[in-house]
Amino acid sequence: MRPVLIFLIGSAGSGKSTIGKRLAAEHHLCYLDKDVVCNTFTGKLLEARGYSPHERDGNAYYRDIVMDLEYETLLNVANDNLQLGRSVILDAPFVGYFHKSDYINQLISKYEWREVIPVVLRVDVNVEVLQQRLRNRGLERDRWKLDHWDSFVEGMQANICKWENIELITVDNSSEECDLRHLMSILPLSAVSS
């Protein structure tokens, strides 16, 4: 069976993690959350430069130096699993790479993913629902988003994934319960042994 690589994208608070974990449990996929994989070293790098360990939005040092390290680390871990034939869900925004139309082609070339089936699963949510979810979860890393809500929403809506050579599947997660049965039927998970 060919391994599937799902790029699970969407705003913070959109429900990516909930959907990703449920898909991973249902299909025995490797689930990699960028925050879990990278937050420890990211926080230390930011603190070493005098920033809060949660200061990412609007931070040039994070954007220009740390972010690429995070994504390279995440992709290296994913690649190890893919080389073992394990399908992977990458729970990460990837927003900083949306403008690179050849991003997926670069990854396929770098990691020699000849047998990998890459898919983008974008989780959308109504902005009012999103704002309430971010308030309810009360995380420090969401403070900038809530304090600069209009700018955050404008930036979020302007960031369109321009990747080529990859299927894009969109799911609206504004309601309390996402229809995972329908989602599973449109993802190429039949290639995955369960």
C-alpha atoms as a PDB file:
ATOM      1  CA  MET A   1       0.000   0.000   0.000  1.00  0.00           C
ATOM      2  CA  ARG A   2       1.214   3.505  -0.817  1.00  0.00           C
ATOM      3  CA  PRO A   3       1.522   5.798   2.216  1.00  0.00           C
ATOM      4  CA  VAL A   4      -0.641   8.920   2.299  1.00  0.00           C
ATOM      5  CA  LEU A   5       0.709  12.246   3.579  1.00  0.00           C
ATOM      6  CA  ILE A   6      -2.089  14.547   4.745  1.00  0.00           C
ATOM      7  CA  PHE A   7      -1.190  18.209   5.178  1.00  0.00           C
ATOM      8  CA  LEU A   8      -3.845  19.220   7.710  1.00  0.00           C
ATOM      9  CA  ILE A   9      -4.119  23.001   7.426  1.00  0.00           C
ATOM     10  CA  GLY A  10      -6.417  25.661   8.841  1.00  0.00           C
ATOM     11  CA  SER A  11      -6.487  28.406  11.403  1.00  0.00           C
ATOM     12  CA  ALA A  12      -5.660  27.923  15.055  1.00  0.00           C
ATOM     13  CA  GLY A  13      -8.961  26.975  16.689  1.00  0.00           C
ATOM     14  CA  SER A  14     -10.455  25.525  13.508  1.00  0.00           C
ATOM     15  CA  GLY A  15     -10.525  22.023  14.965  1.00  0.00           C
ATOM     16  CA  LYS A  16      -7.591  20.619  12.966  1.00  0.00           C
ATOM     17  CA  SER A  17      -6.277  18.649  15.902  1.00  0.00           C
ATOM     18  CA  THR A  18      -9.627  17.076  16.761  1.00  0.00           C
ATOM     19  CA  ILE A  19     -10.198  16.002  13.161  1.00  0.00           C
ATOM     20  CA  GLY A  20      -6.599  14.864  12.698  1.00  0.00           C
ATOM     21  CA  LYS A  21      -6.561  12.754  15.844  1.00  0.00           C
ATOM     22  CA  ARG A  22      -9.867  11.117  14.979  1.00  0.00           C
ATOM     23  CA  LEU A  23      -8.665  10.287  11.450  1.00  0.00           C
ATOM     24  CA  ALA A  24      -5.386   8.941  12.844  1.00  0.00           C
ATOM     25  CA  ALA A  25      -7.178   6.749  15.379  1.00  0.00           C
ATOM     26  CA  GLU A  26      -9.684   5.449  12.822  1.00  0.00           C
ATOM     27  CA  HIS A  27      -7.061   4.588  10.196  1.00  0.00           C
ATOM     28  CA  HIS A  28      -4.007   3.908  12.396  1.00  0.00           C
ATOM     29  CA  LEU A  29      -2.069   6.817  10.872  1.00  0.00           C
ATOM     30  CA  CYS A  30       0.967   8.504  12.346  1.00  0.00           C
ATOM     31  CA  TYR A  31      -0.240  11.847  13.765  1.00  0.00           C
ATOM     32  CA  LEU A  32       2.343  14.632  14.049  1.00  0.00           C
ATOM     33  CA  ASP A  33       1.349  17.948  15.622  1.00  0.00           C
ATOM     34  CA  LYS A  34       3.947  20.655  14.955  1.00  0.00           C
ATOM     35  CA  ASP A  35       3.359  22.217  18.359  1.00  0.00           C
ATOM     36  CA  VAL A  36       3.996  18.937  20.170  1.00  0.00           C
ATOM     37  CA  VAL A  37       7.038  18.104  18.034  1.00  0.00           C
ATOM     38  CA  CYS A  38       8.611  21.576  18.192  1.00  0.00           C
ATOM     39  CA  ASN A  39       7.275  23.726  21.062  1.00  0.00           C
ATOM     40  CA  THR A  40       9.982  22.777  23.546  1.00  0.00           C
ATOM     41  CA  PHE A  41      12.910  23.858  21.374  1.00  0.00           C
ATOM     42  CA  THR A  42      10.963  26.769  19.848  1.00  0.00           C
ATOM     43  CA  GLY A  43      10.212  28.180  23.303  1.00  0.00           C
ATOM     44  CA  LYS A  44      13.866  27.856  24.321  1.00  0.00           C
ATOM     45  CA  LEU A  45      15.095  29.534  21.129  1.00  0.00           C
ATOM     46  CA  LEU A  46      12.676  32.433  21.591  1.00  0.00           C
ATOM     47  CA  GLU A  47      13.607  32.857  25.273  1.00  0.00           C
ATOM     48  CA  ALA A  48      17.308  32.803  24.396  1.00  0.00           C
ATOM     49  CA  ARG A  49      16.663  35.848  22.186  1.00  0.00           C
ATOM     50  CA  GLY A  50      14.674  37.654  24.906  1.00  0.00           C
ATOM     51  CA  TYR A  51      11.166  36.863  23.622  1.00  0.00           C
ATOM     52  CA  SER A  52       8.247  35.163  25.308  1.00  0.00           C
ATOM     53  CA  PRO A  53       8.267  31.423  24.514  1.00  0.00           C
ATOM     54  CA  HIS A  54       4.783  31.927  22.997  1.00  0.00           C
ATOM     55  CA  GLU A  55       5.621  34.940  20.807  1.00  0.00           C
ATOM     56  CA  ARG A  56       5.247  33.800  17.208  1.00  0.00           C
ATOM     57  CA  ASP A  57       2.716  36.079  15.519  1.00  0.00           C
ATOM     58  CA  GLY A  58       4.433  39.258  14.384  1.00  0.00           C
ATOM     59  CA  ASN A  59       7.872  38.068  15.575  1.00  0.00           C
ATOM     60  CA  ALA A  60      10.498  38.498  12.815  1.00  0.00           C
ATOM     61  CA  TYR A  61      13.025  36.202  14.561  1.00  0.00           C
ATOM     62  CA  TYR A  62      10.462  33.395  14.700  1.00  0.00           C
ATOM     63  CA  ARG A  63       9.340  33.968  11.103  1.00  0.00           C
ATOM     64  CA  ASP A  64      12.836  34.308   9.598  1.00  0.00           C
ATOM     65  CA  ILE A  65      14.823  31.759  11.644  1.00  0.00           C
ATOM     66  CA  VAL A  66      12.820  29.435  13.884  1.00  0.00           C
ATOM     67  CA  MET A  67       9.837  28.602  11.671  1.00  0.00           C
ATOM     68  CA  ASP A  68      11.936  26.866   9.002  1.00  0.00           C
ATOM     69  CA  LEU A  69      13.636  24.785  11.716  1.00  0.00           C
ATOM     70  CA  GLU A  70      10.248  23.700  13.040  1.00  0.00           C
ATOM     71  CA  TYR A  71       8.930  22.623   9.660  1.00  0.00           C
ATOM     72  CA  GLU A  72      12.160  20.878   8.671  1.00  0.00           C
ATOM     73  CA  THR A  73      12.052  18.923  11.928  1.00  0.00           C
ATOM     74  CA  LEU A  74       8.400  18.014  11.417  1.00  0.00           C
ATOM     75  CA  LEU A  75       8.967  16.908   7.825  1.00  0.00           C
ATOM     76  CA  ASN A  76      12.042  14.862   8.770  1.00  0.00           C
ATOM     77  CA  VAL A  77      10.011  12.940  11.364  1.00  0.00           C
ATOM     78  CA  ALA A  78       7.199  12.481   8.825  1.00  0.00           C
ATOM     79  CA  ASN A  79       9.661  11.219   6.236  1.00  0.00           C
ATOM     80  CA  ASP A  80      11.005   8.536   8.583  1.00  0.00           C
ATOM     81  CA  ASN A  81       7.445   7.226   9.004  1.00  0.00           C
ATOM     82  CA  LEU A  82       6.643   7.461   5.289  1.00  0.00           C
ATOM     83  CA  GLN A  83       9.822   5.518   4.426  1.00  0.00           C
ATOM     84  CA  LEU A  84       8.532   2.762   6.721  1.00  0.00           C
ATOM     85  CA  GLY A  85       5.275   2.717   4.752  1.00  0.00           C
ATOM     86  CA  ARG A  86       3.287   4.503   7.481  1.00  0.00           C
ATOM     87  CA  SER A  87       0.773   7.128   6.398  1.00  0.00           C
ATOM     88  CA  VAL A  88       1.107  10.462   8.186  1.00  0.00           C
ATOM     89  CA  ILE A  89      -1.081  13.390   9.185  1.00  0.00           C
ATOM     90  CA  LEU A  90       0.828  16.655   9.601  1.00  0.00           C
ATOM     91  CA  ASP A  91      -1.134  18.989  11.880  1.00  0.00           C
ATOM     92  CA  ALA A  92       0.495  22.348  11.166  1.00  0.00           C
ATOM     93  CA  PRO A  93      -0.651  25.609   9.580  1.00  0.00           C
ATOM     94  CA  PHE A  94       2.029  25.764   6.801  1.00  0.00           C
ATOM     95  CA  VAL A  95       0.817  29.343   6.094  1.00  0.00           C
ATOM     96  CA  GLY A  96       4.343  30.658   5.619  1.00  0.00           C
ATOM     97  CA  TYR A  97       4.743  28.298   2.666  1.00  0.00           C
ATOM     98  CA  PHE A  98       1.379  28.792   0.906  1.00  0.00           C
ATOM     99  CA  HIS A  99       2.828  31.276  -1.604  1.00  0.00           C
ATOM    100  CA  LYS A 100       5.335  28.712  -2.918  1.00  0.00           C
ATOM    101  CA  SER A 101       3.429  27.011  -5.739  1.00  0.00           C
ATOM    102  CA  ASP A 102       6.212  24.415  -6.152  1.00  0.00           C
ATOM    103  CA  TYR A 103       6.451  23.623  -2.409  1.00  0.00           C
ATOM    104  CA  ILE A 104       5.084  20.079  -2.740  1.00  0.00           C
ATOM    105  CA  ASN A 105       7.278  19.369  -5.749  1.00  0.00           C
ATOM    106  CA  GLN A 106      10.306  20.523  -3.743  1.00  0.00           C
ATOM    107  CA  LEU A 107       9.385  18.186  -0.875  1.00  0.00           C
ATOM    108  CA  ILE A 108       8.788  15.253  -3.237  1.00  0.00           C
ATOM    109  CA  SER A 109      12.211  15.843  -4.781  1.00  0.00           C
ATOM    110  CA  LYS A 110      14.042  16.409  -1.479  1.00  0.00           C
ATOM    111  CA  TYR A 111      12.611  13.337   0.263  1.00  0.00           C
ATOM    112  CA  GLU A 112      12.246  11.157  -2.870  1.00  0.00           C
ATOM    113  CA  TRP A 113       8.536  10.564  -2.208  1.00  0.00           C
ATOM    114  CA  ARG A 114       7.860   8.527  -5.345  1.00  0.00           C
ATOM    115  CA  GLU A 115       5.247   6.309  -3.690  1.00  0.00           C
ATOM    116  CA  VAL A 116       3.751   8.886  -1.313  1.00  0.00           C
ATOM    117  CA  ILE A 117       0.253  10.247  -2.008  1.00  0.00           C
ATOM    118  CA  PRO A 118       0.207  13.882  -0.797  1.00  0.00           C
ATOM    119  CA  VAL A 119      -3.145  15.496   0.052  1.00  0.00           C
ATOM    120  CA  VAL A 120      -4.109  18.836   1.591  1.00  0.00           C
ATOM    121  CA  LEU A 121      -7.016  18.715   4.023  1.00  0.00           C
ATOM    122  CA  ARG A 122      -8.056  22.289   4.793  1.00  0.00           C
ATOM    123  CA  VAL A 123     -10.303  22.819   7.811  1.00  0.00           C
ATOM    124  CA  ASP A 124     -12.430  25.961   7.522  1.00  0.00           C
ATOM    125  CA  VAL A 125     -14.573  27.549  10.216  1.00  0.00           C
ATOM    126  CA  ASN A 126     -16.877  30.558  10.496  1.00  0.00           C
ATOM    127  CA  VAL A 127     -14.940  33.542  11.952  1.00  0.00           C
ATOM    128  CA  GLU A 128     -17.427  34.126  14.794  1.00  0.00           C
ATOM    129  CA  VAL A 129     -17.186  30.470  15.808  1.00  0.00           C
ATOM    130  CA  LEU A 130     -13.405  30.671  15.512  1.00  0.00           C
ATOM    131  CA  GLN A 131     -13.165  33.713  17.776  1.00  0.00           C
ATOM    132  CA  GLN A 132     -15.300  32.021  20.429  1.00  0.00           C
ATOM    133  CA  ARG A 133     -13.219  28.834  20.263  1.00  0.00           C
ATOM    134  CA  LEU A 134      -9.982  30.787  20.734  1.00  0.00           C
ATOM    135  CA  ARG A 135     -11.469  32.633  23.719  1.00  0.00           C
ATOM    136  CA  ASN A 136     -12.761  29.400  25.240  1.00  0.00           C
ATOM    137  CA  ARG A 137      -9.474  27.559  25.022  1.00  0.00           C
ATOM    138  CA  GLY A 138      -7.635  30.496  26.647  1.00  0.00           C
ATOM    139  CA  LEU A 139      -4.131  29.739  25.387  1.00  0.00           C
ATOM    140  CA  GLU A 140      -1.345  32.304  25.722  1.00  0.00           C
ATOM    141  CA  ARG A 141      -0.322  31.758  22.102  1.00  0.00           C
ATOM    142  CA  ASP A 142      -3.784  32.981  20.970  1.00  0.00           C
ATOM    143  CA  ARG A 143      -3.561  36.304  22.789  1.00  0.00           C
ATOM    144  CA  TRP A 144      -2.107  38.226  19.823  1.00  0.00           C
ATOM    145  CA  LYS A 145      -4.791  36.816  17.524  1.00  0.00           C
ATOM    146  CA  LEU A 146      -7.606  37.938  19.819  1.00  0.00           C
ATOM    147  CA  ASP A 147      -5.999  41.326  20.564  1.00  0.00           C
ATOM    148  CA  HIS A 148      -5.545  41.996  16.828  1.00  0.00           C
ATOM    149  CA  TRP A 149      -8.650  40.187  15.616  1.00  0.00           C
ATOM    150  CA  ASP A 150      -9.369  42.190  12.451  1.00  0.00           C
ATOM    151  CA  SER A 151      -5.746  41.938  11.305  1.00  0.00           C
ATOM    152  CA  PHE A 152      -5.652  38.246  12.147  1.00  0.00           C
ATOM    153  CA  VAL A 153      -8.835  37.498  10.151  1.00  0.00           C
ATOM    154  CA  GLU A 154      -7.663  39.626   7.224  1.00  0.00           C
ATOM    155  CA  GLY A 155      -4.335  37.795   7.136  1.00  0.00           C
ATOM    156  CA  MET A 156      -6.018  34.426   7.495  1.00  0.00           C
ATOM    157  CA  GLN A 157      -8.388  35.115   4.589  1.00  0.00           C
ATOM    158  CA  ALA A 158      -5.570  36.477   2.403  1.00  0.00           C
ATOM    159  CA  ASN A 159      -3.425  33.361   2.872  1.00  0.00           C
ATOM    160  CA  ILE A 160      -4.444  31.044   0.071  1.00  0.00           C
ATOM    161  CA  CYS A 161      -2.634  27.762  -0.470  1.00  0.00           C
ATOM    162  CA  LYS A 162      -1.133  27.948  -3.976  1.00  0.00           C
ATOM    163  CA  TRP A 163       0.522  24.538  -3.981  1.00  0.00           C
ATOM    164  CA  GLU A 164       0.520  22.600  -7.231  1.00  0.00           C
ATOM    165  CA  ASN A 165       0.660  18.837  -7.771  1.00  0.00           C
ATOM    166  CA  ILE A 166      -1.551  18.042  -4.773  1.00  0.00           C
ATOM    167  CA  GLU A 167      -5.232  17.342  -4.184  1.00  0.00           C
ATOM    168  CA  LEU A 168      -6.998  19.914  -1.960  1.00  0.00           C
ATOM    169  CA  ILE A 169      -9.975  18.773   0.111  1.00  0.00           C
ATOM    170  CA  THR A 170     -11.896  21.311   2.200  1.00  0.00           C
ATOM    171  CA  VAL A 171     -14.114  20.587   5.192  1.00  0.00           C
ATOM    172  CA  ASP A 172     -16.270  23.129   7.070  1.00  0.00           C
ATOM    173  CA  ASN A 173     -15.878  22.539  10.797  1.00  0.00           C
ATOM    174  CA  SER A 174     -18.136  25.348  12.051  1.00  0.00           C
ATOM    175  CA  SER A 175     -20.672  22.983  13.613  1.00  0.00           C
ATOM    176  CA  GLU A 176     -20.095  21.040  16.801  1.00  0.00           C
ATOM    177  CA  GLU A 177     -19.528  17.748  14.985  1.00  0.00           C
ATOM    178  CA  CYS A 178     -17.655  17.256  11.717  1.00  0.00           C
ATOM    179  CA  ASP A 179     -19.003  14.537   9.426  1.00  0.00           C
ATOM    180  CA  LEU A 180     -15.933  12.296   9.539  1.00  0.00           C
ATOM    181  CA  ARG A 181     -17.674   9.480   7.702  1.00  0.00           C
ATOM    182  CA  HIS A 182     -18.104  11.722   4.640  1.00  0.00           C
ATOM    183  CA  LEU A 183     -14.567  13.055   5.030  1.00  0.00           C
ATOM    184  CA  MET A 184     -13.116   9.553   5.162  1.00  0.00           C
ATOM    185  CA  SER A 185     -14.978   8.668   1.970  1.00  0.00           C
ATOM    186  CA  ILE A 186     -13.300  11.492  -0.009  1.00  0.00           C
ATOM    187  CA  LEU A 187      -9.768  11.102   1.361  1.00  0.00           C
ATOM    188  CA  PRO A 188      -7.514   8.600  -0.483  1.00  0.00           C
ATOM    189  CA  LEU A 189      -7.326   6.403   2.588  1.00  0.00           C
ATOM    190  CA  SER A 190      -8.342   3.265   0.738  1.00  0.00           C
ATOM    191  CA  ALA A 191      -4.641   3.029  -0.086  1.00  0.00           C
ATOM    192  CA  VAL A 192      -3.996   2.682   3.647  1.00  0.00           C
ATOM    193  CA  SER A 193      -4.286  -0.690   5.289  1.00  0.00           C
ATOM    194  CA  SER A 194      -6.402  -0.475   8.431  1.00  0.00           C
END
